[in-house]
PDB file of N, CA and C in Angstrom:
ATOM      1  N   MET A   1      20.202 -16.687   8.833  1.00  0.00           N
ATOM      2  CA  MET A   1      20.970 -15.784   8.699  1.00  0.00           C
ATOM      3  C   MET A   1      21.208 -14.934   7.610  1.00  0.00           C
ATOM      4  N   ARG A   2      21.399 -15.896   6.569  1.00  0.00           N
ATOM      5  CA  ARG A   2      21.428 -15.007   5.363  1.00  0.00           C
ATOM      6  C   ARG A   2      20.021 -14.428   4.806  1.00  0.00           C
ATOM      7  N   LEU A   3      19.195 -15.074   5.339  1.00  0.00           N
ATOM      8  CA  LEU A   3      18.233 -14.370   5.005  1.00  0.00           C
ATOM      9  C   LEU A   3      17.850 -12.854   5.590  1.00  0.00           C
ATOM     10  N   VAL A   4      18.027 -12.627   6.643  1.00  0.00           N
ATOM     11  CA  VAL A   4      18.318 -11.268   7.559  1.00  0.00           C
ATOM     12  C   VAL A   4      19.195 -10.420   6.763  1.00  0.00           C
ATOM     13  N   LEU A   5      20.368 -10.843   6.436  1.00  0.00           N
ATOM     14  CA  LEU A   5      21.363 -10.087   5.663  1.00  0.00           C
ATOM     15  C   LEU A   5      20.895  -9.455   4.257  1.00  0.00           C
ATOM     16  N   LEU A   6      20.142 -10.504   3.471  1.00  0.00           N
ATOM     17  CA  LEU A   6      19.423 -10.235   1.971  1.00  0.00           C
ATOM     18  C   LEU A   6      18.257  -9.179   2.322  1.00  0.00           C
ATOM     19  N   LEU A   7      17.308  -9.477   3.358  1.00  0.00           N
ATOM     20  CA  LEU A   7      16.448  -8.276   3.511  1.00  0.00           C
ATOM     21  C   LEU A   7      16.879  -7.031   4.042  1.00  0.00           C
ATOM     22  N   VAL A   8      18.077  -7.015   4.772  1.00  0.00           N
ATOM     23  CA  VAL A   8      18.592  -5.799   5.062  1.00  0.00           C
ATOM     24  C   VAL A   8      19.328  -5.016   3.649  1.00  0.00           C
ATOM     25  N   LEU A   9      19.924  -5.901   2.871  1.00  0.00           N
ATOM     26  CA  LEU A   9      20.712  -5.460   1.579  1.00  0.00           C
ATOM     27  C   LEU A   9      19.324  -5.033   0.818  1.00  0.00           C
ATOM     28  N   PHE A  10      18.486  -5.971   0.621  1.00  0.00           N
ATOM     29  CA  PHE A  10      17.121  -5.320  -0.175  1.00  0.00           C
ATOM     30  C   PHE A  10      16.590  -4.020   0.103  1.00  0.00           C
ATOM     31  N   LEU A  11      16.388  -3.788   1.130  1.00  0.00           N
ATOM     32  CA  LEU A  11      15.639  -2.804   1.782  1.00  0.00           C
ATOM     33  C   LEU A  11      16.606  -1.630   1.637  1.00  0.00           C
ATOM     34  N   SER A  12      17.860  -1.632   1.675  1.00  0.00           N
ATOM     35  CA  SER A  12      18.683  -0.438   1.635  1.00  0.00           C
ATOM     36  C   SER A  12      19.006  -0.230   0.406  1.00  0.00           C
ATOM     37  N   THR A  13      18.937  -1.211  -0.750  1.00  0.00           N
ATOM     38  CA  THR A  13      19.224  -0.682  -1.938  1.00  0.00           C
ATOM     39  C   THR A  13      17.619  -0.316  -2.570  1.00  0.00           C
ATOM     40  N   TYR A  14      16.673  -0.721  -1.941  1.00  0.00           N
ATOM     41  CA  TYR A  14      15.388  -0.068  -2.571  1.00  0.00           C
ATOM     42  C   TYR A  14      15.245   1.418  -1.808  1.00  0.00           C
ATOM     43  N   GLY A  15      16.096   1.640  -0.615  1.00  0.00           N
ATOM     44  CA  GLY A  15      15.874   2.806  -0.186  1.00  0.00           C
ATOM     45  C   GLY A  15      16.745   3.753  -0.920  1.00  0.00           C
ATOM     46  N   PHE A  16      17.956   3.525  -1.243  1.00  0.00           N
ATOM     47  CA  PHE A  16      18.719   4.384  -2.045  1.00  0.00           C
ATOM     48  C   PHE A  16      18.039   4.619  -3.331  1.00  0.00           C
ATOM     49  N   PHE A  17      17.502   3.679  -4.094  1.00  0.00           N
ATOM     50  CA  PHE A  17      16.796   4.200  -5.391  1.00  0.00           C
ATOM     51  C   PHE A  17      15.492   4.812  -5.030  1.00  0.00           C
ATOM     52  N   LEU A  18      14.988   4.715  -3.823  1.00  0.00           N
ATOM     53  CA  LEU A  18      13.586   5.268  -3.777  1.00  0.00           C
ATOM     54  C   LEU A  18      13.937   6.784  -3.302  1.00  0.00           C
ATOM     55  N   MET A  19      14.805   6.966  -2.824  1.00  0.00           N
ATOM     56  CA  MET A  19      15.562   8.570  -2.641  1.00  0.00           C
ATOM     57  C   MET A  19      15.918   9.006  -3.811  1.00  0.00           C
ATOM     58  N   GLY A  20      16.498   8.422  -4.757  1.00  0.00           N
ATOM     59  CA  GLY A  20      16.823   8.891  -5.882  1.00  0.00           C
ATOM     60  C   GLY A  20      15.645   9.544  -6.969  1.00  0.00           C
ATOM     61  N   SER A  21      14.926   8.446  -6.734  1.00  0.00           N
ATOM     62  CA  SER A  21      13.452   8.593  -7.800  1.00  0.00           C
ATOM     63  C   SER A  21      12.685   9.614  -7.094  1.00  0.00           C
ATOM     64  N   ASP A  22      12.786   9.776  -5.686  1.00  0.00           N
ATOM     65  CA  ASP A  22      12.097  11.267  -5.099  1.00  0.00           C
ATOM     66  C   ASP A  22      12.694  12.420  -5.432  1.00  0.00           C
ATOM     67  N   LYS A  23      13.891  12.279  -5.536  1.00  0.00           N
ATOM     68  CA  LYS A  23      14.526  13.738  -5.888  1.00  0.00           C
ATOM     69  C   LYS A  23      14.315  14.189  -7.506  1.00  0.00           C
ATOM     70  N   GLN A  24      14.330  12.956  -8.253  1.00  0.00           N
ATOM     71  CA  GLN A  24      14.084  13.337  -9.577  1.00  0.00           C
ATOM     72  C   GLN A  24      12.495  13.841  -9.822  1.00  0.00           C
ATOM     73  N   LYS A  25      11.452  13.273  -8.888  1.00  0.00           N
ATOM     74  CA  LYS A  25      10.370  13.754  -8.978  1.00  0.00           C
ATOM     75  C   LYS A  25      10.113  15.041  -8.414  1.00  0.00           C
ATOM     76  N   ALA A  26      10.988  15.433  -7.321  1.00  0.00           N
ATOM     77  CA  ALA A  26      10.852  16.741  -6.888  1.00  0.00           C
ATOM     78  C   ALA A  26      11.386  17.912  -8.176  1.00  0.00           C
ATOM     79  N   LYS A  27      12.385  17.479  -8.690  1.00  0.00           N
ATOM     80  CA  LYS A  27      12.797  18.437  -9.903  1.00  0.00           C
ATOM     81  C   LYS A  27      11.806  18.793 -10.643  1.00  0.00           C
ATOM     82  N   LYS A  28      10.664  17.643 -11.081  1.00  0.00           N
ATOM     83  CA  LYS A  28       9.875  17.541 -12.309  1.00  0.00           C
ATOM     84  C   LYS A  28       8.631  18.158 -11.779  1.00  0.00           C
ATOM     85  N   GLY A  29       8.464  18.287 -10.010  1.00  0.00           N
ATOM     86  CA  GLY A  29       7.347  18.781  -9.769  1.00  0.00           C
ATOM     87  C   GLY A  29       6.309  17.698  -9.579  1.00  0.00           C
ATOM     88  N   LYS A  30       6.545  16.566  -9.687  1.00  0.00           N
ATOM     89  CA  LYS A  30       5.760  15.425  -9.690  1.00  0.00           C
ATOM     90  C   LYS A  30       5.249  15.153  -8.137  1.00  0.00           C
ATOM     91  N   TRP A  31       4.297  14.022  -8.278  1.00  0.00           N
ATOM     92  CA  TRP A  31       4.112  13.329  -6.913  1.00  0.00           C
ATOM     93  C   TRP A  31       5.075  13.061  -6.473  1.00  0.00           C
ATOM     94  N   ARG A  32       5.137  13.078  -4.978  1.00  0.00           N
ATOM     95  CA  ARG A  32       6.454  12.553  -4.159  1.00  0.00           C
ATOM     96  C   ARG A  32       5.901  11.613  -3.431  1.00  0.00           C
ATOM     97  N   VAL A  33       7.062  10.867  -2.864  1.00  0.00           N
ATOM     98  CA  VAL A  33       7.148   9.886  -1.466  1.00  0.00           C
ATOM     99  C   VAL A  33       6.799  10.515  -0.494  1.00  0.00           C
ATOM    100  N   ASN A  34       5.895   9.849   0.397  1.00  0.00           N
ATOM    101  CA  ASN A  34       5.681  10.403   1.591  1.00  0.00           C
ATOM    102  C   ASN A  34       6.976  10.341   2.575  1.00  0.00           C
ATOM    103  N   GLU A  35       7.149  11.222   3.297  1.00  0.00           N
ATOM    104  CA  GLU A  35       8.460  11.147   4.409  1.00  0.00           C
ATOM    105  C   GLU A  35       8.161   9.905   5.397  1.00  0.00           C
ATOM    106  N   SER A  36       7.294   9.904   5.547  1.00  0.00           N
ATOM    107  CA  SER A  36       6.882   8.800   6.594  1.00  0.00           C
ATOM    108  C   SER A  36       7.136   7.384   5.782  1.00  0.00           C
ATOM    109  N   THR A  37       7.227   7.149   4.641  1.00  0.00           N
ATOM    110  CA  THR A  37       7.427   5.994   3.985  1.00  0.00           C
ATOM    111  C   THR A  37       9.089   5.884   4.300  1.00  0.00           C
ATOM    112  N   PHE A  38       9.720   6.948   4.125  1.00  0.00           N
ATOM    113  CA  PHE A  38      11.054   6.662   4.029  1.00  0.00           C
ATOM    114  C   PHE A  38      11.454   6.342   5.723  1.00  0.00           C
ATOM    115  N   PHE A  39      10.942   7.030   6.489  1.00  0.00           N
ATOM    116  CA  PHE A  39      11.391   6.571   7.759  1.00  0.00           C
ATOM    117  C   PHE A  39      10.976   5.179   8.237  1.00  0.00           C
ATOM    118  N   LEU A  40       9.603   4.690   7.900  1.00  0.00           N
ATOM    119  CA  LEU A  40       9.130   3.260   7.839  1.00  0.00           C
ATOM    120  C   LEU A  40      10.223   2.339   7.196  1.00  0.00           C
ATOM    121  N   LEU A  41      10.476   2.531   6.229  1.00  0.00           N
ATOM    122  CA  LEU A  41      11.485   1.790   5.443  1.00  0.00           C
ATOM    123  C   LEU A  41      12.604   1.633   6.294  1.00  0.00           C
ATOM    124  N   SER A  42      13.403   3.036   6.791  1.00  0.00           N
ATOM    125  CA  SER A  42      14.737   3.005   7.561  1.00  0.00           C
ATOM    126  C   SER A  42      14.653   2.104   8.703  1.00  0.00           C
ATOM    127  N   PHE A  43      13.307   2.039   9.663  1.00  0.00           N
ATOM    128  CA  PHE A  43      13.123   1.702  10.876  1.00  0.00           C
ATOM    129  C   PHE A  43      13.378   0.252  10.539  1.00  0.00           C
ATOM    130  N   CYS A  44      12.613  -0.271   9.486  1.00  0.00           N
ATOM    131  CA  CYS A  44      12.619  -1.588   9.095  1.00  0.00           C
ATOM    132  C   CYS A  44      14.055  -2.351   8.605  1.00  0.00           C
ATOM    133  N   GLY A  45      14.872  -1.588   8.256  1.00  0.00           N
ATOM    134  CA  GLY A  45      16.414  -2.340   8.024  1.00  0.00           C
ATOM    135  C   GLY A  45      16.872  -1.253   6.928  1.00  0.00           C
ATOM    136  N   GLY A  46      16.414  -0.275   6.217  1.00  0.00           N
ATOM    137  CA  GLY A  46      16.842   0.175   4.894  1.00  0.00           C
ATOM    138  C   GLY A  46      17.528   1.321   5.326  1.00  0.00           C
ATOM    139  N   ALA A  47      17.799   1.724   6.439  1.00  0.00           N
ATOM    140  CA  ALA A  47      18.388   2.968   7.102  1.00  0.00           C
ATOM    141  C   ALA A  47      19.526   3.669   5.965  1.00  0.00           C
ATOM    142  N   ALA A  48      20.660   2.463   6.148  1.00  0.00           N
ATOM    143  CA  ALA A  48      21.757   2.819   5.343  1.00  0.00           C
ATOM    144  C   ALA A  48      21.678   3.119   3.977  1.00  0.00           C
ATOM    145  N   GLY A  49      20.716   2.390   3.094  1.00  0.00           N
ATOM    146  CA  GLY A  49      20.610   2.808   1.926  1.00  0.00           C
ATOM    147  C   GLY A  49      19.850   4.378   1.714  1.00  0.00           C
ATOM    148  N   VAL A  50      18.863   4.340   2.468  1.00  0.00           N
ATOM    149  CA  VAL A  50      18.207   5.971   2.290  1.00  0.00           C
ATOM    150  C   VAL A  50      19.463   6.984   2.598  1.00  0.00           C
ATOM    151  N   TRP A  51      20.177   6.802   3.839  1.00  0.00           N
ATOM    152  CA  TRP A  51      21.380   7.714   4.343  1.00  0.00           C
ATOM    153  C   TRP A  51      22.128   7.962   2.968  1.00  0.00           C
ATOM    154  N   ILE A  52      22.370   6.853   2.630  1.00  0.00           N
ATOM    155  CA  ILE A  52      23.474   7.028   1.273  1.00  0.00           C
ATOM    156  C   ILE A  52      23.004   7.630   0.235  1.00  0.00           C
ATOM    157  N   GLY A  53      21.747   7.561  -0.025  1.00  0.00           N
ATOM    158  CA  GLY A  53      20.932   8.246  -1.162  1.00  0.00           C
ATOM    159  C   GLY A  53      20.698   9.647  -0.726  1.00  0.00           C
ATOM    160  N   MET A  54      20.660  10.024   0.642  1.00  0.00           N
ATOM    161  CA  MET A  54      20.387  11.244   0.985  1.00  0.00           C
ATOM    162  C   MET A  54      21.864  12.211   0.457  1.00  0.00           C
ATOM    163  N   LYS A  55      22.714  11.482   0.551  1.00  0.00           N
ATOM    164  CA  LYS A  55      24.069  12.005   0.507  1.00  0.00           C
ATOM    165  C   LYS A  55      24.353  11.978  -1.078  1.00  0.00           C
ATOM    166  N   VAL A  56      24.296  10.950  -1.468  1.00  0.00           N
ATOM    167  CA  VAL A  56      24.242  10.859  -3.173  1.00  0.00           C
ATOM    168  C   VAL A  56      23.749  11.563  -3.872  1.00  0.00           C
ATOM    169  N   PHE A  57      22.365  11.737  -3.644  1.00  0.00           N
ATOM    170  CA  PHE A  57      21.581  12.774  -4.286  1.00  0.00           C
ATOM    171  C   PHE A  57      21.070  14.049  -3.862  1.00  0.00           C
ATOM    172  N   CYS A  58      21.842  14.428  -2.677  1.00  0.00           N
ATOM    173  CA  CYS A  58      21.685  15.751  -2.057  1.00  0.00           C
ATOM    174  C   CYS A  58      20.345  16.059  -1.805  1.00  0.00           C
ATOM    175  N   HIS A  59      19.526  15.061  -1.409  1.00  0.00           N
ATOM    176  CA  HIS A  59      18.315  15.173  -1.151  1.00  0.00           C
ATOM    177  C   HIS A  59      17.712  14.939   0.295  1.00  0.00           C
ATOM    178  N   LYS A  60      16.611  15.967   0.484  1.00  0.00           N
ATOM    179  CA  LYS A  60      16.466  15.842   2.027  1.00  0.00           C
ATOM    180  C   LYS A  60      17.286  15.813   3.318  1.00  0.00           C
ATOM    181  N   THR A  61      18.559  16.670   2.805  1.00  0.00           N
ATOM    182  CA  THR A  61      19.848  16.715   3.519  1.00  0.00           C
ATOM    183  C   THR A  61      19.417  18.134   4.481  1.00  0.00           C
ATOM    184  N   LEU A  62      18.642  19.030   4.009  1.00  0.00           N
ATOM    185  CA  LEU A  62      18.389  20.344   4.656  1.00  0.00           C
ATOM    186  C   LEU A  62      17.199  20.007   6.010  1.00  0.00           C
ATOM    187  N   HIS A  63      16.313  18.792   5.700  1.00  0.00           N
ATOM    188  CA  HIS A  63      15.326  18.530   6.900  1.00  0.00           C
ATOM    189  C   HIS A  63      16.125  18.216   8.046  1.00  0.00           C
ATOM    190  N   PRO A  64      15.730  18.777   9.157  1.00  0.00           N
ATOM    191  CA  PRO A  64      16.580  18.148  10.555  1.00  0.00           C
ATOM    192  C   PRO A  64      15.970  16.935  10.816  1.00  0.00           C
ATOM    193  N   SER A  65      14.430  16.538  10.621  1.00  0.00           N
ATOM    194  CA  SER A  65      14.361  15.123  10.927  1.00  0.00           C
ATOM    195  C   SER A  65      15.005  14.260  10.091  1.00  0.00           C
ATOM    196  N   PHE A  66      15.333  14.375   8.885  1.00  0.00           N
ATOM    197  CA  PHE A  66      16.014  13.687   8.110  1.00  0.00           C
ATOM    198  C   PHE A  66      17.673  13.582   8.737  1.00  0.00           C
ATOM    199  N   ARG A  67      18.350  14.826   8.859  1.00  0.00           N
ATOM    200  CA  ARG A  67      19.552  14.933   9.224  1.00  0.00           C
ATOM    201  C   ARG A  67      20.054  14.103  10.628  1.00  0.00           C
ATOM    202  N   VAL A  68      19.054  13.954  11.379  1.00  0.00           N
ATOM    203  CA  VAL A  68      18.956  13.325  12.736  1.00  0.00           C
ATOM    204  C   VAL A  68      18.342  11.968  12.883  1.00  0.00           C
ATOM    205  N   GLY A  69      17.346  11.982  12.267  1.00  0.00           N
ATOM    206  CA  GLY A  69      16.764  10.604  12.234  1.00  0.00           C
ATOM    207  C   GLY A  69      17.381   9.660  11.606  1.00  0.00           C
ATOM    208  N   ILE A  70      17.477   9.798  10.371  1.00  0.00           N
ATOM    209  CA  ILE A  70      18.084   8.563   9.629  1.00  0.00           C
ATOM    210  C   ILE A  70      19.445   8.248   9.931  1.00  0.00           C
ATOM    211  N   PRO A  71      20.305   8.743  10.418  1.00  0.00           N
ATOM    212  CA  PRO A  71      21.531   8.318  11.212  1.00  0.00           C
ATOM    213  C   PRO A  71      21.126   7.684  12.413  1.00  0.00           C
ATOM    214  N   LEU A  72      20.198   8.050  12.935  1.00  0.00           N
ATOM    215  CA  LEU A  72      20.038   7.403  14.180  1.00  0.00           C
ATOM    216  C   LEU A  72      19.258   6.041  13.983  1.00  0.00           C
ATOM    217  N   LEU A  73      18.335   5.841  12.777  1.00  0.00           N
ATOM    218  CA  LEU A  73      17.798   4.750  12.540  1.00  0.00           C
ATOM    219  C   LEU A  73      18.954   3.833  11.935  1.00  0.00           C
ATOM    220  N   THR A  74      19.977   4.416  11.336  1.00  0.00           N
ATOM    221  CA  THR A  74      21.051   3.307  10.855  1.00  0.00           C
ATOM    222  C   THR A  74      21.719   2.797  12.247  1.00  0.00           C
ATOM    223  N   VAL A  75      21.819   3.585  13.096  1.00  0.00           N
ATOM    224  CA  VAL A  75      22.254   2.700  14.345  1.00  0.00           C
ATOM    225  C   VAL A  75      21.455   1.903  15.069  1.00  0.00           C
ATOM    226  N   TRP A  76      20.140   2.003  15.047  1.00  0.00           N
ATOM    227  CA  TRP A  76      19.085   1.077  15.287  1.00  0.00           C
ATOM    228  C   TRP A  76      19.009  -0.244  14.585  1.00  0.00           C
ATOM    229  N   ASN A  77      19.174  -0.035  13.221  1.00  0.00           N
ATOM    230  CA  ASN A  77      19.823  -1.225  12.378  1.00  0.00           C
ATOM    231  C   ASN A  77      20.767  -1.641  12.638  1.00  0.00           C
ATOM    232  N   VAL A  78      21.973  -1.128  12.792  1.00  0.00           N
ATOM    233  CA  VAL A  78      22.952  -2.010  13.263  1.00  0.00           C
ATOM    234  C   VAL A  78      22.991  -3.039  14.566  1.00  0.00           C
ATOM    235  N   ILE A  79      22.328  -2.053  15.698  1.00  0.00           N
ATOM    236  CA  ILE A  79      22.205  -2.973  16.843  1.00  0.00           C
ATOM    237  C   ILE A  79      21.107  -4.037  16.501  1.00  0.00           C
ATOM    238  N   VAL A  80      20.160  -3.964  16.225  1.00  0.00           N
ATOM    239  CA  VAL A  80      19.175  -4.878  15.660  1.00  0.00           C
ATOM    240  C   VAL A  80      19.814  -6.355  15.117  1.00  0.00           C
ATOM    241  N   LEU A  81      20.457  -5.756  13.797  1.00  0.00           N
ATOM    242  CA  LEU A  81      21.242  -6.675  13.082  1.00  0.00           C
ATOM    243  C   LEU A  81      22.232  -7.618  13.686  1.00  0.00           C
ATOM    244  N   TYR A  82      22.909  -6.520  14.921  1.00  0.00           N
ATOM    245  CA  TYR A  82      24.093  -7.666  15.590  1.00  0.00           C
ATOM    246  C   TYR A  82      23.239  -8.669  16.362  1.00  0.00           C
ATOM    247  N   TYR A  83      22.444  -8.097  17.143  1.00  0.00           N
ATOM    248  CA  TYR A  83      21.209  -8.746  17.954  1.00  0.00           C
ATOM    249  C   TYR A  83      21.039  -9.948  17.506  1.00  0.00           C
ATOM    250  N   LEU A  84      20.305  -9.828  16.200  1.00  0.00           N
ATOM    251  CA  LEU A  84      20.007 -11.225  15.225  1.00  0.00           C
ATOM    252  C   LEU A  84      20.784 -12.059  14.978  1.00  0.00           C
ATOM    253  N   LEU A  85      21.860 -11.495  14.364  1.00  0.00           N
ATOM    254  CA  LEU A  85      22.970 -12.436  14.028  1.00  0.00           C
ATOM    255  C   LEU A  85      23.561 -13.174  15.117  1.00  0.00           C
ATOM    256  N   ASN A  86      23.810 -12.470  16.346  1.00  0.00           N
ATOM    257  CA  ASN A  86      24.279 -13.229  17.468  1.00  0.00           C
ATOM    258  C   ASN A  86      23.475 -14.226  18.233  1.00  0.00           C
ATOM    259  N   ASN A  87      22.505 -14.408  17.775  1.00  0.00           N
ATOM    260  CA  ASN A  87      21.421 -15.010  18.397  1.00  0.00           C
ATOM    261  C   ASN A  87      20.586 -15.984  17.607  1.00  0.00           C
ATOM    262  N   LEU A  88      20.968 -15.773  16.008  1.00  0.00           N
ATOM    263  CA  LEU A  88      20.594 -16.951  15.332  1.00  0.00           C
ATOM    264  C   LEU A  88      21.634 -17.860  14.972  1.00  0.00           C
ATOM    265  N   MET A  89      22.508 -17.733  15.372  1.00  0.00           N
ATOM    266  CA  MET A  89      23.637 -18.874  15.077  1.00  0.00           C
ATOM    267  C   MET A  89      23.781 -19.758  16.167  1.00  0.00           C
TER     268      MET A  89
END
């Protein structure tokens, strides 16, 4: 149970910082993180961190796929986490 929570915390933290890093790269015109990377990370448990990063860094907020997809993946993460925590106890 703790491992699942730690994994979600790690993925969300990583997603948050990855969003901030991508924003800085965008400002400097450098190589960027693929959008599919954000969606894969979000699907696997890091959606909350990516979503918070979007808001904090004002990054990818105009992309409809992010405005809709990341919140939906956050709901997906909550449902899966709820299921895992209730069935691992």
